[in-house]
Amino acid sequence: MNHTRLAVVTAALLLFSCTQTRKATAPGCDFEIRFGRTGGFTNIPVEYALFENRKVYRIRGDESVNVNRIRIKEMKEIKNLVDSLGFRNLESEKPGNVNYFIRVCTADSDHRVSWSETGGDNPRNILFRRLLDTLREEP
């Protein structure tokens, strides 16, 4: 009886510990934004993904961990910002020591922009700062 109980508890723990993870996917997406940075001293990439379901994930290899879920209003604001900044027309800059990137994938386009300077109010930085806000939970 104790072995059965232990097996059930172990199975339940494994099941619930995996509920926050999902496969990181991009092909054929309806709407997805990936953003983060690469390079630096350790060259360890930091990548996040915002999906159509308004969930934000931290990407780690082939797996991703749920970080936050944003409100419907925030998702609309981000989509409008992508359009109003003309994201699809932005170009990448020369790489530097630390590179920042944003990739927007929709049903009809897939565009990635990377740059190395985060100062200023250019469209890349405005969108990047707004995306970083999605990592913070609302009080």
N, C-alpha and C. Protein backbone atom coordinates (compact mmCIF):
# COMPACT_ATOMS: atom_id res chain seq x y z
N MET A 1 0.82 -1.19 0.00
CA MET A 1 0.00 0.00 0.00
C MET A 1 0.87 1.26 0.00
N ASN A 2 1.96 1.24 0.79
CA ASN A 2 2.84 2.40 0.84
C ASN A 2 3.52 2.66 -0.51
N HIS A 3 3.86 1.60 -1.24
CA HIS A 3 4.49 1.75 -2.55
C HIS A 3 3.52 2.39 -3.55
N THR A 4 2.26 2.01 -3.48
CA THR A 4 1.26 2.58 -4.37
C THR A 4 1.07 4.06 -4.06
N ARG A 5 0.99 4.40 -2.79
CA ARG A 5 0.82 5.80 -2.38
C ARG A 5 2.03 6.63 -2.82
N LEU A 6 3.23 6.08 -2.65
CA LEU A 6 4.45 6.77 -3.05
C LEU A 6 4.48 6.98 -4.57
N ALA A 7 4.05 5.98 -5.32
CA ALA A 7 4.02 6.09 -6.78
C ALA A 7 3.03 7.16 -7.23
N VAL A 8 1.86 7.23 -6.59
CA VAL A 8 0.85 8.22 -6.93
C VAL A 8 1.36 9.62 -6.61
N VAL A 9 1.96 9.81 -5.44
CA VAL A 9 2.48 11.12 -5.06
C VAL A 9 3.59 11.54 -6.02
N THR A 10 4.49 10.63 -6.34
CA THR A 10 5.59 10.93 -7.26
C THR A 10 5.05 11.31 -8.64
N ALA A 11 4.08 10.57 -9.14
CA ALA A 11 3.49 10.86 -10.45
C ALA A 11 2.81 12.24 -10.44
N ALA A 12 2.12 12.55 -9.35
CA ALA A 12 1.44 13.84 -9.25
C ALA A 12 2.45 14.99 -9.21
N LEU A 13 3.53 14.82 -8.47
CA LEU A 13 4.56 15.85 -8.41
C LEU A 13 5.20 16.07 -9.77
N LEU A 14 5.49 15.01 -10.48
CA LEU A 14 6.06 15.13 -11.81
C LEU A 14 5.10 15.82 -12.77
N LEU A 15 3.83 15.47 -12.70
CA LEU A 15 2.84 16.05 -13.57
C LEU A 15 2.71 17.55 -13.33
N PHE A 16 2.60 17.97 -12.07
CA PHE A 16 2.40 19.38 -11.76
C PHE A 16 3.67 20.20 -11.93
N SER A 17 4.83 19.59 -11.79
CA SER A 17 6.07 20.35 -11.98
C SER A 17 6.30 20.66 -13.45
N CYS A 18 5.69 19.93 -14.34
CA CYS A 18 5.89 20.14 -15.78
C CYS A 18 4.81 21.01 -16.41
N THR A 19 3.83 21.46 -15.66
CA THR A 19 2.73 22.21 -16.26
C THR A 19 3.13 23.60 -16.69
N GLN A 20 4.21 24.16 -16.17
CA GLN A 20 4.63 25.49 -16.54
C GLN A 20 5.54 25.50 -17.76
N THR A 21 5.90 24.35 -18.28
CA THR A 21 6.81 24.30 -19.42
C THR A 21 6.07 23.95 -20.69
N ARG A 22 6.62 24.41 -21.79
CA ARG A 22 6.06 24.08 -23.08
C ARG A 22 7.19 24.11 -24.09
N LYS A 23 6.97 23.48 -25.21
CA LYS A 23 7.96 23.50 -26.28
C LYS A 23 7.99 24.90 -26.88
N ALA A 24 9.17 25.39 -27.14
CA ALA A 24 9.32 26.69 -27.79
C ALA A 24 9.12 26.51 -29.29
N THR A 25 8.06 27.12 -29.82
CA THR A 25 7.75 26.93 -31.23
C THR A 25 7.66 28.27 -31.93
N ALA A 26 7.95 28.26 -33.22
CA ALA A 26 7.79 29.47 -34.02
C ALA A 26 7.15 29.19 -35.37
N PRO A 27 7.47 28.07 -36.06
CA PRO A 27 6.94 27.87 -37.41
C PRO A 27 5.41 27.88 -37.45
N GLY A 28 4.87 28.60 -38.41
CA GLY A 28 3.43 28.64 -38.59
C GLY A 28 2.69 29.37 -37.50
N CYS A 29 3.33 30.32 -36.85
CA CYS A 29 2.69 31.00 -35.73
C CYS A 29 1.69 32.03 -36.21
N ASP A 30 0.66 32.27 -35.41
CA ASP A 30 -0.30 33.34 -35.70
C ASP A 30 0.28 34.67 -35.24
N PHE A 31 0.85 34.68 -34.04
CA PHE A 31 1.50 35.87 -33.52
C PHE A 31 2.45 35.45 -32.42
N GLU A 32 3.68 35.90 -32.54
CA GLU A 32 4.71 35.59 -31.55
C GLU A 32 5.78 36.65 -31.61
N ILE A 33 6.22 37.10 -30.44
CA ILE A 33 7.35 38.02 -30.38
C ILE A 33 8.41 37.38 -29.50
N ARG A 34 9.62 37.30 -30.02
CA ARG A 34 10.77 36.85 -29.23
C ARG A 34 11.69 38.04 -29.06
N PHE A 35 12.24 38.16 -27.86
CA PHE A 35 13.12 39.29 -27.59
C PHE A 35 14.14 38.89 -26.53
N GLY A 36 15.26 39.59 -26.53
CA GLY A 36 16.29 39.30 -25.55
C GLY A 36 17.63 39.86 -25.95
N ARG A 37 18.69 39.20 -25.44
CA ARG A 37 20.04 39.65 -25.73
C ARG A 37 20.97 38.45 -25.83
N THR A 38 22.06 38.66 -26.54
CA THR A 38 23.10 37.64 -26.68
C THR A 38 24.45 38.33 -26.52
N GLY A 39 25.48 37.52 -26.33
CA GLY A 39 26.83 38.06 -26.24
C GLY A 39 27.21 38.39 -24.82
N GLY A 40 28.10 39.36 -24.69
CA GLY A 40 28.60 39.73 -23.38
C GLY A 40 29.73 38.81 -22.94
N PHE A 41 30.17 38.98 -21.71
CA PHE A 41 31.31 38.23 -21.18
C PHE A 41 31.07 36.72 -21.20
N THR A 42 29.88 36.30 -20.78
CA THR A 42 29.59 34.86 -20.70
C THR A 42 28.98 34.30 -21.98
N ASN A 43 28.50 35.17 -22.86
CA ASN A 43 27.86 34.78 -24.11
C ASN A 43 26.67 33.84 -23.89
N ILE A 44 26.00 34.00 -22.76
CA ILE A 44 24.80 33.21 -22.47
C ILE A 44 23.58 34.00 -22.95
N PRO A 45 22.83 33.45 -23.90
CA PRO A 45 21.66 34.19 -24.41
C PRO A 45 20.54 34.26 -23.37
N VAL A 46 19.83 35.37 -23.39
CA VAL A 46 18.63 35.54 -22.57
C VAL A 46 17.52 35.83 -23.55
N GLU A 47 16.53 34.92 -23.60
CA GLU A 47 15.47 35.05 -24.60
C GLU A 47 14.11 34.84 -23.96
N TYR A 48 13.16 35.66 -24.38
CA TYR A 48 11.78 35.56 -23.94
C TYR A 48 10.88 35.47 -25.16
N ALA A 49 9.69 34.92 -24.97
CA ALA A 49 8.71 34.83 -26.05
C ALA A 49 7.34 35.22 -25.52
N LEU A 50 6.66 36.05 -26.28
CA LEU A 50 5.28 36.44 -25.99
C LEU A 50 4.41 35.83 -27.07
N PHE A 51 3.46 35.00 -26.66
CA PHE A 51 2.61 34.28 -27.61
C PHE A 51 1.22 34.90 -27.69
N GLU A 52 0.47 34.50 -28.69
CA GLU A 52 -0.88 34.99 -28.92
C GLU A 52 -1.78 34.82 -27.69
N ASN A 53 -1.53 33.80 -26.90
CA ASN A 53 -2.35 33.56 -25.71
C ASN A 53 -2.00 34.49 -24.55
N ARG A 54 -1.13 35.48 -24.81
CA ARG A 54 -0.73 36.52 -23.87
C ARG A 54 0.24 36.02 -22.80
N LYS A 55 0.75 34.82 -22.96
CA LYS A 55 1.71 34.30 -22.00
C LYS A 55 3.13 34.64 -22.44
N VAL A 56 3.95 34.99 -21.44
CA VAL A 56 5.35 35.31 -21.68
C VAL A 56 6.18 34.17 -21.09
N TYR A 57 7.11 33.66 -21.89
CA TYR A 57 7.95 32.54 -21.48
C TYR A 57 9.42 32.92 -21.53
N ARG A 58 10.21 32.37 -20.64
CA ARG A 58 11.67 32.46 -20.71
C ARG A 58 12.13 31.22 -21.48
N ILE A 59 12.86 31.43 -22.56
CA ILE A 59 13.32 30.33 -23.41
C ILE A 59 14.64 29.82 -22.87
N ARG A 60 14.72 28.51 -22.70
CA ARG A 60 15.95 27.85 -22.27
C ARG A 60 16.14 26.61 -23.12
N GLY A 61 16.96 26.75 -24.15
CA GLY A 61 17.16 25.62 -25.06
C GLY A 61 15.89 25.35 -25.84
N ASP A 62 15.44 24.08 -25.80
CA ASP A 62 14.22 23.69 -26.50
C ASP A 62 12.99 23.83 -25.62
N GLU A 63 13.16 24.20 -24.39
CA GLU A 63 12.04 24.32 -23.45
C GLU A 63 11.83 25.78 -23.08
N SER A 64 10.67 26.08 -22.57
CA SER A 64 10.38 27.42 -22.09
C SER A 64 9.58 27.35 -20.80
N VAL A 65 9.81 28.35 -19.94
CA VAL A 65 9.18 28.39 -18.63
C VAL A 65 8.28 29.62 -18.56
N ASN A 66 7.05 29.44 -18.12
CA ASN A 66 6.09 30.53 -18.02
C ASN A 66 6.57 31.57 -17.02
N VAL A 67 6.62 32.84 -17.46
CA VAL A 67 7.06 33.93 -16.61
C VAL A 67 5.87 34.78 -16.15
N ASN A 68 4.95 35.03 -17.08
CA ASN A 68 3.87 35.96 -16.79
C ASN A 68 2.76 35.79 -17.83
N ARG A 69 1.62 36.34 -17.54
CA ARG A 69 0.53 36.45 -18.52
C ARG A 69 0.06 37.89 -18.48
N ILE A 70 0.04 38.53 -19.64
CA ILE A 70 -0.33 39.94 -19.68
C ILE A 70 -1.82 40.08 -19.97
N ARG A 71 -2.35 41.26 -19.70
CA ARG A 71 -3.77 41.53 -19.94
C ARG A 71 -4.04 41.69 -21.43
N ILE A 72 -5.29 41.52 -21.81
CA ILE A 72 -5.70 41.67 -23.21
C ILE A 72 -5.36 43.07 -23.70
N LYS A 73 -5.58 44.08 -22.85
CA LYS A 73 -5.29 45.46 -23.21
C LYS A 73 -3.80 45.63 -23.54
N GLU A 74 -2.93 45.02 -22.74
CA GLU A 74 -1.49 45.12 -22.99
C GLU A 74 -1.10 44.48 -24.32
N MET A 75 -1.71 43.33 -24.62
CA MET A 75 -1.41 42.65 -25.88
C MET A 75 -1.81 43.52 -27.07
N LYS A 76 -2.98 44.16 -26.98
CA LYS A 76 -3.42 45.05 -28.05
C LYS A 76 -2.45 46.22 -28.19
N GLU A 77 -1.99 46.78 -27.06
CA GLU A 77 -1.04 47.89 -27.10
C GLU A 77 0.26 47.48 -27.79
N ILE A 78 0.74 46.29 -27.48
CA ILE A 78 1.99 45.82 -28.07
C ILE A 78 1.83 45.60 -29.57
N LYS A 79 0.72 44.98 -29.97
CA LYS A 79 0.48 44.78 -31.41
C LYS A 79 0.37 46.13 -32.13
N ASN A 80 -0.32 47.08 -31.53
CA ASN A 80 -0.44 48.41 -32.13
C ASN A 80 0.92 49.10 -32.20
N LEU A 81 1.74 48.92 -31.19
CA LEU A 81 3.07 49.51 -31.17
C LEU A 81 3.95 48.92 -32.28
N VAL A 82 3.86 47.62 -32.47
CA VAL A 82 4.61 46.97 -33.56
C VAL A 82 4.22 47.60 -34.90
N ASP A 83 2.94 47.79 -35.11
CA ASP A 83 2.47 48.38 -36.37
C ASP A 83 2.84 49.86 -36.48
N SER A 84 2.61 50.63 -35.41
CA SER A 84 2.84 52.09 -35.49
C SER A 84 4.32 52.43 -35.62
N LEU A 85 5.21 51.58 -35.11
CA LEU A 85 6.64 51.83 -35.23
C LEU A 85 7.20 51.34 -36.56
N GLY A 86 6.36 50.69 -37.34
CA GLY A 86 6.83 50.17 -38.63
C GLY A 86 7.89 49.09 -38.46
N PHE A 87 7.66 48.18 -37.53
CA PHE A 87 8.67 47.18 -37.19
C PHE A 87 9.15 46.40 -38.41
N ARG A 88 8.24 46.05 -39.29
CA ARG A 88 8.61 45.24 -40.47
C ARG A 88 9.61 45.95 -41.39
N ASN A 89 9.74 47.27 -41.24
CA ASN A 89 10.66 48.03 -42.08
C ASN A 89 11.98 48.36 -41.37
N LEU A 90 12.09 48.01 -40.10
CA LEU A 90 13.33 48.30 -39.37
C LEU A 90 14.44 47.37 -39.82
N GLU A 91 15.66 47.86 -39.77
CA GLU A 91 16.81 47.07 -40.19
C GLU A 91 17.73 46.84 -39.00
N SER A 92 18.52 45.78 -39.08
CA SER A 92 19.50 45.46 -38.05
C SER A 92 20.71 46.36 -38.19
N GLU A 93 21.44 46.53 -37.08
CA GLU A 93 22.68 47.28 -37.07
C GLU A 93 23.85 46.32 -36.94
N LYS A 94 25.06 46.86 -37.05
CA LYS A 94 26.26 46.05 -36.89
C LYS A 94 26.28 45.46 -35.49
N PRO A 95 26.69 44.19 -35.37
CA PRO A 95 26.74 43.57 -34.04
C PRO A 95 27.83 44.20 -33.17
N GLY A 96 27.61 44.13 -31.88
CA GLY A 96 28.58 44.62 -30.90
C GLY A 96 28.87 43.53 -29.89
N ASN A 97 29.39 43.91 -28.73
CA ASN A 97 29.69 42.94 -27.69
C ASN A 97 28.42 42.31 -27.14
N VAL A 98 27.44 43.14 -26.82
CA VAL A 98 26.13 42.66 -26.37
C VAL A 98 25.11 43.07 -27.43
N ASN A 99 24.36 42.13 -27.93
CA ASN A 99 23.37 42.40 -28.96
C ASN A 99 21.97 42.13 -28.44
N TYR A 100 21.07 43.04 -28.75
CA TYR A 100 19.66 42.91 -28.38
C TYR A 100 18.89 42.56 -29.64
N PHE A 101 17.79 41.86 -29.48
CA PHE A 101 17.03 41.47 -30.66
C PHE A 101 15.54 41.41 -30.35
N ILE A 102 14.77 41.61 -31.41
CA ILE A 102 13.31 41.42 -31.38
C ILE A 102 12.96 40.69 -32.66
N ARG A 103 12.16 39.66 -32.54
CA ARG A 103 11.67 38.94 -33.71
C ARG A 103 10.15 38.88 -33.61
N VAL A 104 9.48 39.39 -34.62
CA VAL A 104 8.02 39.37 -34.66
C VAL A 104 7.60 38.42 -35.77
N CYS A 105 6.84 37.41 -35.39
CA CYS A 105 6.35 36.41 -36.34
C CYS A 105 4.82 36.49 -36.35
N THR A 106 4.26 36.71 -37.54
CA THR A 106 2.81 36.71 -37.70
C THR A 106 2.47 35.72 -38.81
N ALA A 107 1.20 35.59 -39.10
CA ALA A 107 0.77 34.65 -40.14
C ALA A 107 1.35 35.01 -41.51
N ASP A 108 1.62 36.31 -41.74
CA ASP A 108 2.10 36.72 -43.06
C ASP A 108 3.53 37.26 -43.09
N SER A 109 4.22 37.30 -41.96
CA SER A 109 5.60 37.79 -41.99
C SER A 109 6.40 37.26 -40.79
N ASP A 110 7.70 37.30 -40.94
CA ASP A 110 8.62 36.89 -39.89
C ASP A 110 9.84 37.81 -40.01
N HIS A 111 9.99 38.76 -39.09
CA HIS A 111 11.04 39.77 -39.21
C HIS A 111 11.82 39.87 -37.89
N ARG A 112 13.15 39.87 -38.02
CA ARG A 112 14.03 39.98 -36.85
C ARG A 112 14.93 41.19 -37.01
N VAL A 113 15.11 41.93 -35.91
CA VAL A 113 15.98 43.09 -35.86
C VAL A 113 16.93 42.91 -34.69
N SER A 114 18.21 43.23 -34.91
CA SER A 114 19.18 43.18 -33.80
C SER A 114 20.03 44.45 -33.81
N TRP A 115 20.53 44.83 -32.65
CA TRP A 115 21.32 46.04 -32.49
C TRP A 115 22.13 45.91 -31.21
N SER A 116 23.06 46.85 -30.99
CA SER A 116 23.92 46.74 -29.82
C SER A 116 23.80 47.91 -28.85
N GLU A 117 23.20 49.01 -29.22
CA GLU A 117 23.06 50.16 -28.33
C GLU A 117 21.62 50.26 -27.84
N THR A 118 21.43 50.38 -26.51
CA THR A 118 20.07 50.44 -25.98
C THR A 118 19.63 51.85 -25.63
N GLY A 119 20.50 52.84 -25.77
CA GLY A 119 20.14 54.21 -25.44
C GLY A 119 19.29 54.84 -26.53
N GLY A 120 18.58 55.87 -26.16
CA GLY A 120 17.80 56.63 -27.14
C GLY A 120 16.38 56.14 -27.28
N ASP A 121 15.62 56.91 -28.03
CA ASP A 121 14.21 56.60 -28.24
C ASP A 121 13.93 56.18 -29.67
N ASN A 122 14.81 55.37 -30.25
CA ASN A 122 14.52 54.86 -31.58
C ASN A 122 13.47 53.75 -31.47
N PRO A 123 12.81 53.40 -32.56
CA PRO A 123 11.71 52.43 -32.50
C PRO A 123 12.09 51.09 -31.87
N ARG A 124 13.31 50.60 -32.13
CA ARG A 124 13.72 49.32 -31.55
C ARG A 124 13.72 49.39 -30.03
N ASN A 125 14.32 50.46 -29.49
CA ASN A 125 14.41 50.59 -28.03
C ASN A 125 13.05 50.81 -27.38
N ILE A 126 12.19 51.56 -28.04
CA ILE A 126 10.84 51.79 -27.50
C ILE A 126 10.10 50.46 -27.37
N LEU A 127 10.12 49.65 -28.44
CA LEU A 127 9.45 48.36 -28.41
C LEU A 127 10.12 47.41 -27.41
N PHE A 128 11.45 47.41 -27.37
CA PHE A 128 12.16 46.52 -26.46
C PHE A 128 11.82 46.84 -25.00
N ARG A 129 11.80 48.12 -24.64
CA ARG A 129 11.44 48.49 -23.26
C ARG A 129 10.02 48.07 -22.93
N ARG A 130 9.11 48.22 -23.91
CA ARG A 130 7.71 47.82 -23.67
C ARG A 130 7.62 46.31 -23.47
N LEU A 131 8.40 45.55 -24.24
CA LEU A 131 8.41 44.10 -24.08
C LEU A 131 9.00 43.69 -22.73
N LEU A 132 10.02 44.41 -22.27
CA LEU A 132 10.58 44.11 -20.94
C LEU A 132 9.55 44.33 -19.85
N ASP A 133 8.64 45.28 -20.05
CA ASP A 133 7.57 45.52 -19.08
C ASP A 133 6.67 44.29 -18.91
N THR A 134 6.57 43.43 -19.94
CA THR A 134 5.70 42.26 -19.84
C THR A 134 6.26 41.23 -18.86
N LEU A 135 7.52 41.37 -18.47
CA LEU A 135 8.13 40.41 -17.54
C LEU A 135 7.73 40.70 -16.11
N ARG A 136 7.22 41.89 -15.87
CA ARG A 136 6.83 42.30 -14.51
C ARG A 136 5.37 41.94 -14.26
N GLU A 137 5.14 41.38 -13.11
CA GLU A 137 3.76 41.05 -12.74
C GLU A 137 3.07 42.29 -12.21
N GLU A 138 1.79 42.41 -12.52
CA GLU A 138 0.99 43.52 -12.01
C GLU A 138 0.71 43.31 -10.54
N PRO A 139 0.71 44.41 -9.74
CA PRO A 139 0.42 44.26 -8.29
C PRO A 139 -1.01 43.88 -8.02
